[in-house]
Amino acid sequence: MSDIAKQLGQRIRVLRNEQHMSQEELSFRAGISPAHLGQIERALKNPTIDTIAKIAEALDIPVTTLFTMDPVSIPSQNKTIGK
């Protein structure tokens, strides 16, 4: 998977853990399966925009918070993304 998918999955995991929430609890609140959430967190699946919105809502955060990350370079596209 792409670097952005890995970063998004890690960001979701960090935010979920900060709220002391299990994958099962977050997936229930977001209306997605625990397996799907696990695959997103491990960057095995790319979530749709609707799924990202559901996860953000379940975490009670703005969608933009999911994409607020330290700047990182994407070698394959030679672009920088981040804050």
N, C-alpha and C. Protein backbone atom coordinates (compact mmCIF):
# COMPACT_ATOMS: atom_id res chain seq x y z
N MET A 1 0.83 -1.19 0.00
CA MET A 1 0.00 0.00 0.00
C MET A 1 0.87 1.25 0.00
N SER A 2 0.26 2.34 -0.28
CA SER A 2 0.97 3.61 -0.35
C SER A 2 1.35 4.12 1.04
N ASP A 3 2.29 5.04 1.05
CA ASP A 3 2.70 5.66 2.31
C ASP A 3 1.53 6.38 2.98
N ILE A 4 0.69 7.04 2.20
CA ILE A 4 -0.43 7.78 2.77
C ILE A 4 -1.42 6.82 3.43
N ALA A 5 -1.62 5.65 2.85
CA ALA A 5 -2.52 4.65 3.45
C ALA A 5 -1.94 4.17 4.77
N LYS A 6 -0.63 3.97 4.82
CA LYS A 6 0.02 3.55 6.06
C LYS A 6 -0.09 4.64 7.12
N GLN A 7 0.13 5.87 6.72
CA GLN A 7 0.04 6.99 7.66
C GLN A 7 -1.38 7.16 8.18
N LEU A 8 -2.35 7.05 7.29
CA LEU A 8 -3.74 7.18 7.71
C LEU A 8 -4.11 6.08 8.70
N GLY A 9 -3.73 4.86 8.39
CA GLY A 9 -4.01 3.75 9.29
C GLY A 9 -3.36 3.93 10.65
N GLN A 10 -2.12 4.38 10.65
CA GLN A 10 -1.42 4.63 11.92
C GLN A 10 -2.10 5.76 12.69
N ARG A 11 -2.52 6.80 11.97
CA ARG A 11 -3.18 7.94 12.62
C ARG A 11 -4.49 7.51 13.26
N ILE A 12 -5.27 6.69 12.56
CA ILE A 12 -6.52 6.19 13.13
C ILE A 12 -6.23 5.39 14.39
N ARG A 13 -5.23 4.51 14.33
CA ARG A 13 -4.87 3.69 15.49
C ARG A 13 -4.46 4.56 16.68
N VAL A 14 -3.64 5.57 16.43
CA VAL A 14 -3.18 6.46 17.51
C VAL A 14 -4.37 7.19 18.14
N LEU A 15 -5.23 7.75 17.31
CA LEU A 15 -6.38 8.50 17.81
C LEU A 15 -7.34 7.57 18.56
N ARG A 16 -7.51 6.36 18.07
CA ARG A 16 -8.37 5.38 18.75
C ARG A 16 -7.79 5.03 20.11
N ASN A 17 -6.49 4.77 20.15
CA ASN A 17 -5.84 4.42 21.41
C ASN A 17 -5.86 5.58 22.41
N GLU A 18 -5.72 6.80 21.91
CA GLU A 18 -5.78 7.97 22.79
C GLU A 18 -7.13 8.07 23.50
N GLN A 19 -8.16 7.55 22.85
CA GLN A 19 -9.50 7.56 23.44
C GLN A 19 -9.80 6.25 24.18
N HIS A 20 -8.77 5.41 24.34
CA HIS A 20 -8.91 4.13 25.04
C HIS A 20 -10.05 3.31 24.46
N MET A 21 -10.07 3.26 23.12
CA MET A 21 -11.13 2.57 22.41
C MET A 21 -10.55 1.35 21.70
N SER A 22 -11.22 0.23 21.79
CA SER A 22 -10.79 -0.97 21.06
C SER A 22 -11.21 -0.84 19.59
N GLN A 23 -10.61 -1.70 18.76
CA GLN A 23 -11.04 -1.74 17.36
C GLN A 23 -12.52 -2.11 17.26
N GLU A 24 -12.93 -3.01 18.12
CA GLU A 24 -14.33 -3.45 18.09
C GLU A 24 -15.27 -2.29 18.41
N GLU A 25 -14.91 -1.50 19.42
CA GLU A 25 -15.77 -0.38 19.80
C GLU A 25 -15.83 0.67 18.70
N LEU A 26 -14.67 1.03 18.15
CA LEU A 26 -14.65 2.03 17.08
C LEU A 26 -15.40 1.52 15.86
N SER A 27 -15.19 0.27 15.50
CA SER A 27 -15.89 -0.25 14.32
C SER A 27 -17.40 -0.26 14.53
N PHE A 28 -17.84 -0.60 15.75
CA PHE A 28 -19.27 -0.58 16.05
C PHE A 28 -19.82 0.84 15.90
N ARG A 29 -19.12 1.80 16.49
CA ARG A 29 -19.58 3.20 16.43
C ARG A 29 -19.58 3.73 15.00
N ALA A 30 -18.63 3.26 14.19
CA ALA A 30 -18.52 3.73 12.81
C ALA A 30 -19.42 2.96 11.85
N GLY A 31 -19.96 1.83 12.30
CA GLY A 31 -20.83 1.04 11.44
C GLY A 31 -20.06 0.25 10.40
N ILE A 32 -18.84 -0.15 10.73
CA ILE A 32 -18.06 -0.99 9.83
C ILE A 32 -17.61 -2.23 10.62
N SER A 33 -17.15 -3.24 9.92
CA SER A 33 -16.74 -4.46 10.62
C SER A 33 -15.37 -4.26 11.28
N PRO A 34 -15.14 -4.95 12.39
CA PRO A 34 -13.82 -4.88 13.04
C PRO A 34 -12.70 -5.33 12.10
N ALA A 35 -12.98 -6.32 11.26
CA ALA A 35 -11.97 -6.80 10.31
C ALA A 35 -11.60 -5.69 9.32
N HIS A 36 -12.60 -4.96 8.85
CA HIS A 36 -12.35 -3.88 7.90
C HIS A 36 -11.52 -2.78 8.55
N LEU A 37 -11.86 -2.41 9.77
CA LEU A 37 -11.10 -1.40 10.49
C LEU A 37 -9.65 -1.85 10.67
N GLY A 38 -9.46 -3.10 11.04
CA GLY A 38 -8.11 -3.63 11.20
C GLY A 38 -7.31 -3.56 9.91
N GLN A 39 -7.97 -3.86 8.79
CA GLN A 39 -7.30 -3.79 7.49
C GLN A 39 -6.94 -2.36 7.13
N ILE A 40 -7.79 -1.41 7.50
CA ILE A 40 -7.49 0.01 7.25
C ILE A 40 -6.31 0.43 8.10
N GLU A 41 -6.31 0.06 9.38
CA GLU A 41 -5.22 0.45 10.27
C GLU A 41 -3.89 -0.16 9.83
N ARG A 42 -3.93 -1.34 9.23
CA ARG A 42 -2.70 -1.99 8.76
C ARG A 42 -2.38 -1.64 7.31
N ALA A 43 -3.17 -0.75 6.72
CA ALA A 43 -2.99 -0.30 5.34
C ALA A 43 -3.13 -1.43 4.33
N LEU A 44 -3.97 -2.39 4.64
CA LEU A 44 -4.25 -3.47 3.68
C LEU A 44 -5.42 -3.13 2.78
N LYS A 45 -6.27 -2.19 3.24
CA LYS A 45 -7.42 -1.72 2.46
C LYS A 45 -7.45 -0.21 2.48
N ASN A 46 -7.85 0.38 1.36
CA ASN A 46 -8.04 1.83 1.29
C ASN A 46 -9.50 2.14 1.60
N PRO A 47 -9.76 2.96 2.62
CA PRO A 47 -11.15 3.28 2.95
C PRO A 47 -11.74 4.28 1.95
N THR A 48 -13.04 4.20 1.78
CA THR A 48 -13.73 5.19 0.95
C THR A 48 -13.85 6.49 1.75
N ILE A 49 -14.21 7.55 1.07
CA ILE A 49 -14.42 8.83 1.75
C ILE A 49 -15.53 8.68 2.78
N ASP A 50 -16.58 7.95 2.45
CA ASP A 50 -17.67 7.74 3.40
C ASP A 50 -17.19 7.01 4.65
N THR A 51 -16.34 6.01 4.48
CA THR A 51 -15.80 5.27 5.62
C THR A 51 -14.91 6.15 6.47
N ILE A 52 -14.09 6.99 5.83
CA ILE A 52 -13.25 7.93 6.58
C ILE A 52 -14.13 8.86 7.40
N ALA A 53 -15.20 9.35 6.81
CA ALA A 53 -16.12 10.24 7.53
C ALA A 53 -16.77 9.52 8.71
N LYS A 54 -17.15 8.27 8.53
CA LYS A 54 -17.75 7.49 9.62
C LYS A 54 -16.77 7.29 10.77
N ILE A 55 -15.52 7.02 10.42
CA ILE A 55 -14.49 6.82 11.45
C ILE A 55 -14.26 8.12 12.21
N ALA A 56 -14.16 9.22 11.50
CA ALA A 56 -13.96 10.52 12.15
C ALA A 56 -15.13 10.83 13.08
N GLU A 57 -16.34 10.60 12.60
CA GLU A 57 -17.52 10.86 13.43
C GLU A 57 -17.52 9.97 14.67
N ALA A 58 -17.16 8.72 14.50
CA ALA A 58 -17.11 7.79 15.63
C ALA A 58 -16.05 8.19 16.65
N LEU A 59 -14.97 8.82 16.17
CA LEU A 59 -13.93 9.31 17.06
C LEU A 59 -14.26 10.71 17.61
N ASP A 60 -15.34 11.29 17.09
CA ASP A 60 -15.79 12.63 17.49
C ASP A 60 -14.71 13.68 17.19
N ILE A 61 -14.18 13.60 15.97
CA ILE A 61 -13.16 14.53 15.51
C ILE A 61 -13.51 14.98 14.09
N PRO A 62 -12.99 16.12 13.66
CA PRO A 62 -13.17 16.51 12.26
C PRO A 62 -12.39 15.58 11.34
N VAL A 63 -12.87 15.38 10.15
CA VAL A 63 -12.17 14.53 9.18
C VAL A 63 -10.75 15.03 8.97
N THR A 64 -10.56 16.33 8.98
CA THR A 64 -9.23 16.90 8.74
C THR A 64 -8.21 16.43 9.77
N THR A 65 -8.65 16.10 10.97
CA THR A 65 -7.73 15.63 12.01
C THR A 65 -7.07 14.31 11.60
N LEU A 66 -7.78 13.51 10.84
CA LEU A 66 -7.21 12.25 10.38
C LEU A 66 -6.04 12.46 9.42
N PHE A 67 -6.00 13.63 8.80
CA PHE A 67 -4.97 13.91 7.82
C PHE A 67 -3.95 14.93 8.31
N THR A 68 -4.01 15.26 9.60
CA THR A 68 -3.03 16.16 10.19
C THR A 68 -1.89 15.31 10.70
N MET A 69 -0.83 15.24 9.92
CA MET A 69 0.29 14.37 10.23
C MET A 69 1.58 15.14 10.04
N ASP A 70 2.65 14.55 10.54
CA ASP A 70 3.96 15.13 10.29
C ASP A 70 4.23 15.04 8.80
N PRO A 71 4.87 16.08 8.25
CA PRO A 71 5.18 16.01 6.81
C PRO A 71 6.04 14.79 6.49
N VAL A 72 5.76 14.17 5.36
CA VAL A 72 6.54 13.01 4.94
C VAL A 72 6.70 13.07 3.43
N SER A 73 7.75 12.50 2.99
CA SER A 73 8.03 12.48 1.57
C SER A 73 7.51 11.18 0.97
N ILE A 74 6.90 11.30 -0.18
CA ILE A 74 6.45 10.11 -0.92
C ILE A 74 7.42 9.93 -2.08
N PRO A 75 8.38 9.00 -1.93
CA PRO A 75 9.42 8.85 -2.95
C PRO A 75 8.90 8.57 -4.35
N SER A 76 7.88 7.74 -4.47
CA SER A 76 7.43 7.35 -5.80
C SER A 76 6.85 8.52 -6.60
N GLN A 77 6.34 9.54 -5.89
CA GLN A 77 5.76 10.69 -6.59
C GLN A 77 6.61 11.93 -6.37
N ASN A 78 7.61 11.84 -5.49
CA ASN A 78 8.50 12.94 -5.20
C ASN A 78 7.73 14.18 -4.75
N LYS A 79 6.74 13.97 -3.90
CA LYS A 79 5.92 15.04 -3.36
C LYS A 79 5.99 14.99 -1.85
N THR A 80 5.70 16.13 -1.23
CA THR A 80 5.62 16.18 0.21
C THR A 80 4.19 16.46 0.60
N ILE A 81 3.72 15.70 1.60
CA ILE A 81 2.37 15.88 2.09
C ILE A 81 2.44 16.12 3.57
N GLY A 82 1.38 16.60 4.15
CA GLY A 82 1.34 16.77 5.60
C GLY A 82 0.54 17.98 5.98
N LYS A 83 0.97 18.61 7.07
CA LYS A 83 0.23 19.74 7.66
C LYS A 83 -0.03 20.83 6.69
